[in-house]
Amino acid sequence: MKRAHLLISGRVQGVYYRATTEQVATRMGLRGWVRNLPDGRVEAIAEGPADLLERFVAWCHEGPPAACVEQVDCTWGDASGEFCAFETRH
């Protein structure tokens, strides 16, 4: 099990990025969270099997239709196992 910590920049707030990210991660069976940052970026932490995380990170580069993703910074690590589901944080 792996962990991906993502910082997504571009037009990613006010375009259902968080809600769609939660739906995609939940469908994939990933655990973690997503939230907006005050500087306009979106931050996410996801844990799960490496192959599913790679697909999730690839999706984060696209996002929902209204988003315009400019950059995704991803840091990889080992899963902590601290999450029970994937949620949107405020």
N, C-alpha and C. Protein backbone atom coordinates (compact mmCIF):
# COMPACT_ATOMS: atom_id res chain seq x y z
N MET A 1 0.84 -1.18 0.00
CA MET A 1 0.00 0.00 0.00
C MET A 1 0.88 1.25 0.00
N LYS A 2 0.50 2.21 -0.82
CA LYS A 2 1.28 3.44 -0.98
C LYS A 2 0.41 4.65 -0.62
N ARG A 3 1.09 5.79 -0.55
CA ARG A 3 0.45 7.07 -0.24
C ARG A 3 0.92 8.10 -1.25
N ALA A 4 -0.02 8.90 -1.75
CA ALA A 4 0.30 10.01 -2.65
C ALA A 4 -0.22 11.29 -2.01
N HIS A 5 0.68 12.27 -1.88
CA HIS A 5 0.30 13.61 -1.38
C HIS A 5 0.38 14.54 -2.58
N LEU A 6 -0.76 15.13 -2.95
CA LEU A 6 -0.84 15.92 -4.16
C LEU A 6 -1.17 17.38 -3.87
N LEU A 7 -0.54 18.27 -4.62
CA LEU A 7 -0.87 19.69 -4.63
C LEU A 7 -1.19 20.03 -6.08
N ILE A 8 -2.44 20.42 -6.33
CA ILE A 8 -2.93 20.65 -7.69
C ILE A 8 -3.18 22.13 -7.87
N SER A 9 -2.63 22.71 -8.92
CA SER A 9 -2.82 24.14 -9.17
C SER A 9 -3.40 24.37 -10.55
N GLY A 10 -3.98 25.54 -10.71
CA GLY A 10 -4.68 25.92 -11.93
C GLY A 10 -6.06 26.41 -11.54
N ARG A 11 -7.02 26.29 -12.46
CA ARG A 11 -8.41 26.62 -12.13
C ARG A 11 -9.03 25.34 -11.54
N VAL A 12 -8.87 25.19 -10.23
CA VAL A 12 -9.29 23.95 -9.57
C VAL A 12 -10.22 24.20 -8.38
N GLN A 13 -10.56 25.44 -8.12
CA GLN A 13 -11.55 25.74 -7.09
C GLN A 13 -12.78 26.34 -7.74
N GLY A 14 -13.95 25.97 -7.23
CA GLY A 14 -15.21 26.46 -7.80
C GLY A 14 -15.61 25.75 -9.07
N VAL A 15 -15.00 24.58 -9.34
CA VAL A 15 -15.31 23.82 -10.56
C VAL A 15 -15.61 22.35 -10.23
N TYR A 16 -16.00 22.09 -8.99
CA TYR A 16 -16.33 20.74 -8.51
C TYR A 16 -15.14 19.79 -8.50
N TYR A 17 -13.94 20.35 -8.39
CA TYR A 17 -12.75 19.49 -8.35
C TYR A 17 -12.76 18.60 -7.12
N ARG A 18 -13.03 19.16 -5.94
CA ARG A 18 -13.03 18.35 -4.71
C ARG A 18 -14.09 17.27 -4.76
N ALA A 19 -15.31 17.64 -5.12
CA ALA A 19 -16.41 16.67 -5.14
C ALA A 19 -16.14 15.53 -6.12
N THR A 20 -15.64 15.89 -7.29
CA THR A 20 -15.36 14.85 -8.28
C THR A 20 -14.17 13.99 -7.86
N THR A 21 -13.18 14.60 -7.23
CA THR A 21 -12.04 13.85 -6.72
C THR A 21 -12.50 12.82 -5.69
N GLU A 22 -13.38 13.24 -4.80
CA GLU A 22 -13.90 12.31 -3.79
C GLU A 22 -14.64 11.15 -4.46
N GLN A 23 -15.45 11.44 -5.48
CA GLN A 23 -16.18 10.38 -6.19
C GLN A 23 -15.23 9.41 -6.88
N VAL A 24 -14.23 9.94 -7.58
CA VAL A 24 -13.27 9.10 -8.30
C VAL A 24 -12.49 8.23 -7.32
N ALA A 25 -11.99 8.82 -6.25
CA ALA A 25 -11.22 8.06 -5.27
C ALA A 25 -12.06 6.98 -4.60
N THR A 26 -13.29 7.31 -4.27
CA THR A 26 -14.18 6.34 -3.64
C THR A 26 -14.46 5.18 -4.58
N ARG A 27 -14.72 5.46 -5.85
CA ARG A 27 -14.95 4.39 -6.83
C ARG A 27 -13.74 3.48 -6.96
N MET A 28 -12.54 4.06 -6.81
CA MET A 28 -11.31 3.27 -6.92
C MET A 28 -10.99 2.51 -5.63
N GLY A 29 -11.72 2.82 -4.55
CA GLY A 29 -11.47 2.17 -3.27
C GLY A 29 -10.30 2.78 -2.51
N LEU A 30 -9.94 4.02 -2.84
CA LEU A 30 -8.84 4.69 -2.16
C LEU A 30 -9.35 5.35 -0.88
N ARG A 31 -8.43 5.64 0.01
CA ARG A 31 -8.76 6.30 1.27
C ARG A 31 -7.92 7.56 1.42
N GLY A 32 -8.47 8.57 2.10
CA GLY A 32 -7.74 9.81 2.30
C GLY A 32 -8.68 10.99 2.32
N TRP A 33 -8.20 12.13 1.79
CA TRP A 33 -9.01 13.34 1.80
C TRP A 33 -8.56 14.32 0.72
N VAL A 34 -9.43 15.30 0.47
CA VAL A 34 -9.14 16.39 -0.47
C VAL A 34 -9.68 17.67 0.15
N ARG A 35 -8.97 18.80 -0.08
CA ARG A 35 -9.42 20.09 0.45
C ARG A 35 -8.88 21.23 -0.41
N ASN A 36 -9.58 22.37 -0.33
CA ASN A 36 -9.10 23.60 -0.95
C ASN A 36 -8.07 24.24 -0.03
N LEU A 37 -7.08 24.90 -0.62
CA LEU A 37 -6.10 25.67 0.12
C LEU A 37 -6.38 27.17 -0.10
N PRO A 38 -6.02 28.00 0.86
CA PRO A 38 -6.27 29.44 0.73
C PRO A 38 -5.59 30.07 -0.49
N ASP A 39 -4.51 29.47 -0.99
CA ASP A 39 -3.79 30.05 -2.13
C ASP A 39 -4.38 29.65 -3.49
N GLY A 40 -5.52 28.95 -3.50
CA GLY A 40 -6.18 28.60 -4.76
C GLY A 40 -5.89 27.19 -5.24
N ARG A 41 -4.96 26.51 -4.59
CA ARG A 41 -4.66 25.13 -4.97
C ARG A 41 -5.61 24.17 -4.25
N VAL A 42 -5.57 22.92 -4.70
CA VAL A 42 -6.27 21.82 -4.03
C VAL A 42 -5.20 20.86 -3.54
N GLU A 43 -5.39 20.37 -2.31
CA GLU A 43 -4.48 19.40 -1.72
C GLU A 43 -5.23 18.09 -1.51
N ALA A 44 -4.57 16.97 -1.77
CA ALA A 44 -5.19 15.67 -1.55
C ALA A 44 -4.15 14.70 -1.02
N ILE A 45 -4.60 13.81 -0.17
CA ILE A 45 -3.80 12.66 0.26
C ILE A 45 -4.63 11.43 -0.04
N ALA A 46 -4.04 10.48 -0.74
CA ALA A 46 -4.74 9.25 -1.07
C ALA A 46 -3.85 8.06 -0.76
N GLU A 47 -4.47 7.00 -0.25
CA GLU A 47 -3.75 5.77 0.05
C GLU A 47 -4.45 4.60 -0.60
N GLY A 48 -3.65 3.64 -1.05
CA GLY A 48 -4.20 2.45 -1.66
C GLY A 48 -3.12 1.72 -2.44
N PRO A 49 -3.52 0.72 -3.24
CA PRO A 49 -2.56 -0.01 -4.06
C PRO A 49 -1.88 0.92 -5.08
N ALA A 50 -0.61 0.69 -5.33
CA ALA A 50 0.18 1.57 -6.19
C ALA A 50 -0.44 1.75 -7.57
N ASP A 51 -0.95 0.69 -8.18
CA ASP A 51 -1.51 0.81 -9.53
C ASP A 51 -2.74 1.71 -9.55
N LEU A 52 -3.58 1.60 -8.53
CA LEU A 52 -4.76 2.47 -8.47
C LEU A 52 -4.37 3.91 -8.17
N LEU A 53 -3.37 4.11 -7.32
CA LEU A 53 -2.90 5.46 -7.04
C LEU A 53 -2.33 6.12 -8.28
N GLU A 54 -1.62 5.36 -9.11
CA GLU A 54 -1.09 5.93 -10.35
C GLU A 54 -2.21 6.37 -11.27
N ARG A 55 -3.29 5.58 -11.35
CA ARG A 55 -4.46 5.98 -12.16
C ARG A 55 -5.12 7.22 -11.57
N PHE A 56 -5.21 7.29 -10.24
CA PHE A 56 -5.80 8.44 -9.57
C PHE A 56 -4.99 9.71 -9.84
N VAL A 57 -3.68 9.61 -9.71
CA VAL A 57 -2.81 10.76 -9.98
C VAL A 57 -2.96 11.21 -11.43
N ALA A 58 -3.04 10.26 -12.35
CA ALA A 58 -3.25 10.61 -13.76
C ALA A 58 -4.57 11.36 -13.93
N TRP A 59 -5.63 10.90 -13.24
CA TRP A 59 -6.91 11.60 -13.32
C TRP A 59 -6.77 13.02 -12.76
N CYS A 60 -6.02 13.20 -11.68
CA CYS A 60 -5.85 14.52 -11.07
C CYS A 60 -5.23 15.51 -12.03
N HIS A 61 -4.45 15.04 -12.99
CA HIS A 61 -3.87 15.93 -14.00
C HIS A 61 -4.95 16.48 -14.95
N GLU A 62 -6.07 15.78 -15.05
CA GLU A 62 -7.17 16.21 -15.91
C GLU A 62 -8.26 16.90 -15.09
N GLY A 63 -8.72 16.25 -14.02
CA GLY A 63 -9.79 16.79 -13.20
C GLY A 63 -11.13 16.76 -13.90
N PRO A 64 -12.14 17.38 -13.32
CA PRO A 64 -13.46 17.43 -13.93
C PRO A 64 -13.45 18.35 -15.15
N PRO A 65 -14.49 18.27 -15.97
CA PRO A 65 -14.51 19.04 -17.22
C PRO A 65 -14.28 20.55 -17.08
N ALA A 66 -14.79 21.18 -16.03
CA ALA A 66 -14.67 22.64 -15.89
C ALA A 66 -13.29 23.07 -15.37
N ALA A 67 -12.49 22.13 -14.90
CA ALA A 67 -11.17 22.47 -14.35
C ALA A 67 -10.16 22.71 -15.46
N CYS A 68 -9.13 23.47 -15.11
CA CYS A 68 -7.99 23.67 -16.00
C CYS A 68 -6.73 23.48 -15.14
N VAL A 69 -6.27 22.23 -15.09
CA VAL A 69 -5.13 21.88 -14.24
C VAL A 69 -3.85 22.33 -14.90
N GLU A 70 -3.06 23.11 -14.19
CA GLU A 70 -1.78 23.59 -14.71
C GLU A 70 -0.61 22.75 -14.21
N GLN A 71 -0.71 22.27 -12.95
CA GLN A 71 0.42 21.53 -12.38
C GLN A 71 -0.08 20.62 -11.27
N VAL A 72 0.53 19.44 -11.19
CA VAL A 72 0.28 18.51 -10.09
C VAL A 72 1.63 18.11 -9.52
N ASP A 73 1.86 18.46 -8.26
CA ASP A 73 3.06 18.03 -7.55
C ASP A 73 2.67 16.85 -6.68
N CYS A 74 3.37 15.74 -6.85
CA CYS A 74 3.02 14.52 -6.13
C CYS A 74 4.24 14.00 -5.38
N THR A 75 4.04 13.72 -4.10
CA THR A 75 5.06 13.12 -3.26
C THR A 75 4.57 11.73 -2.86
N TRP A 76 5.40 10.73 -3.08
CA TRP A 76 5.03 9.34 -2.79
C TRP A 76 5.62 8.89 -1.47
N GLY A 77 4.90 8.00 -0.79
CA GLY A 77 5.38 7.42 0.45
C GLY A 77 4.63 6.13 0.75
N ASP A 78 4.85 5.61 1.91
CA ASP A 78 4.15 4.41 2.36
C ASP A 78 2.85 4.80 3.03
N ALA A 79 1.83 3.99 2.85
CA ALA A 79 0.52 4.26 3.46
C ALA A 79 0.63 4.20 4.98
N SER A 80 -0.12 5.07 5.64
CA SER A 80 -0.15 5.08 7.09
C SER A 80 -1.29 4.22 7.64
N GLY A 81 -2.31 4.00 6.82
CA GLY A 81 -3.47 3.23 7.26
C GLY A 81 -4.39 3.99 8.19
N GLU A 82 -4.23 5.30 8.27
CA GLU A 82 -5.01 6.10 9.22
C GLU A 82 -6.42 6.45 8.73
N PHE A 83 -6.72 6.23 7.47
CA PHE A 83 -8.01 6.66 6.91
C PHE A 83 -8.96 5.47 6.73
N CYS A 84 -10.25 5.73 6.98
CA CYS A 84 -11.27 4.70 6.81
C CYS A 84 -12.01 4.83 5.47
N ALA A 85 -11.98 6.02 4.89
CA ALA A 85 -12.69 6.30 3.64
C ALA A 85 -12.02 7.49 2.98
N PHE A 86 -12.58 7.97 1.88
CA PHE A 86 -12.07 9.18 1.23
C PHE A 86 -13.11 10.27 1.45
N GLU A 87 -12.67 11.44 1.92
CA GLU A 87 -13.61 12.52 2.27
C GLU A 87 -13.12 13.87 1.80
N THR A 88 -14.05 14.80 1.72
CA THR A 88 -13.74 16.20 1.46
C THR A 88 -13.60 16.89 2.80
N ARG A 89 -12.49 17.60 2.98
CA ARG A 89 -12.28 18.36 4.20
C ARG A 89 -12.47 19.84 3.91
N HIS A 90 -12.88 20.57 4.94
CA HIS A 90 -13.12 22.01 4.79
C HIS A 90 -12.24 22.79 5.72
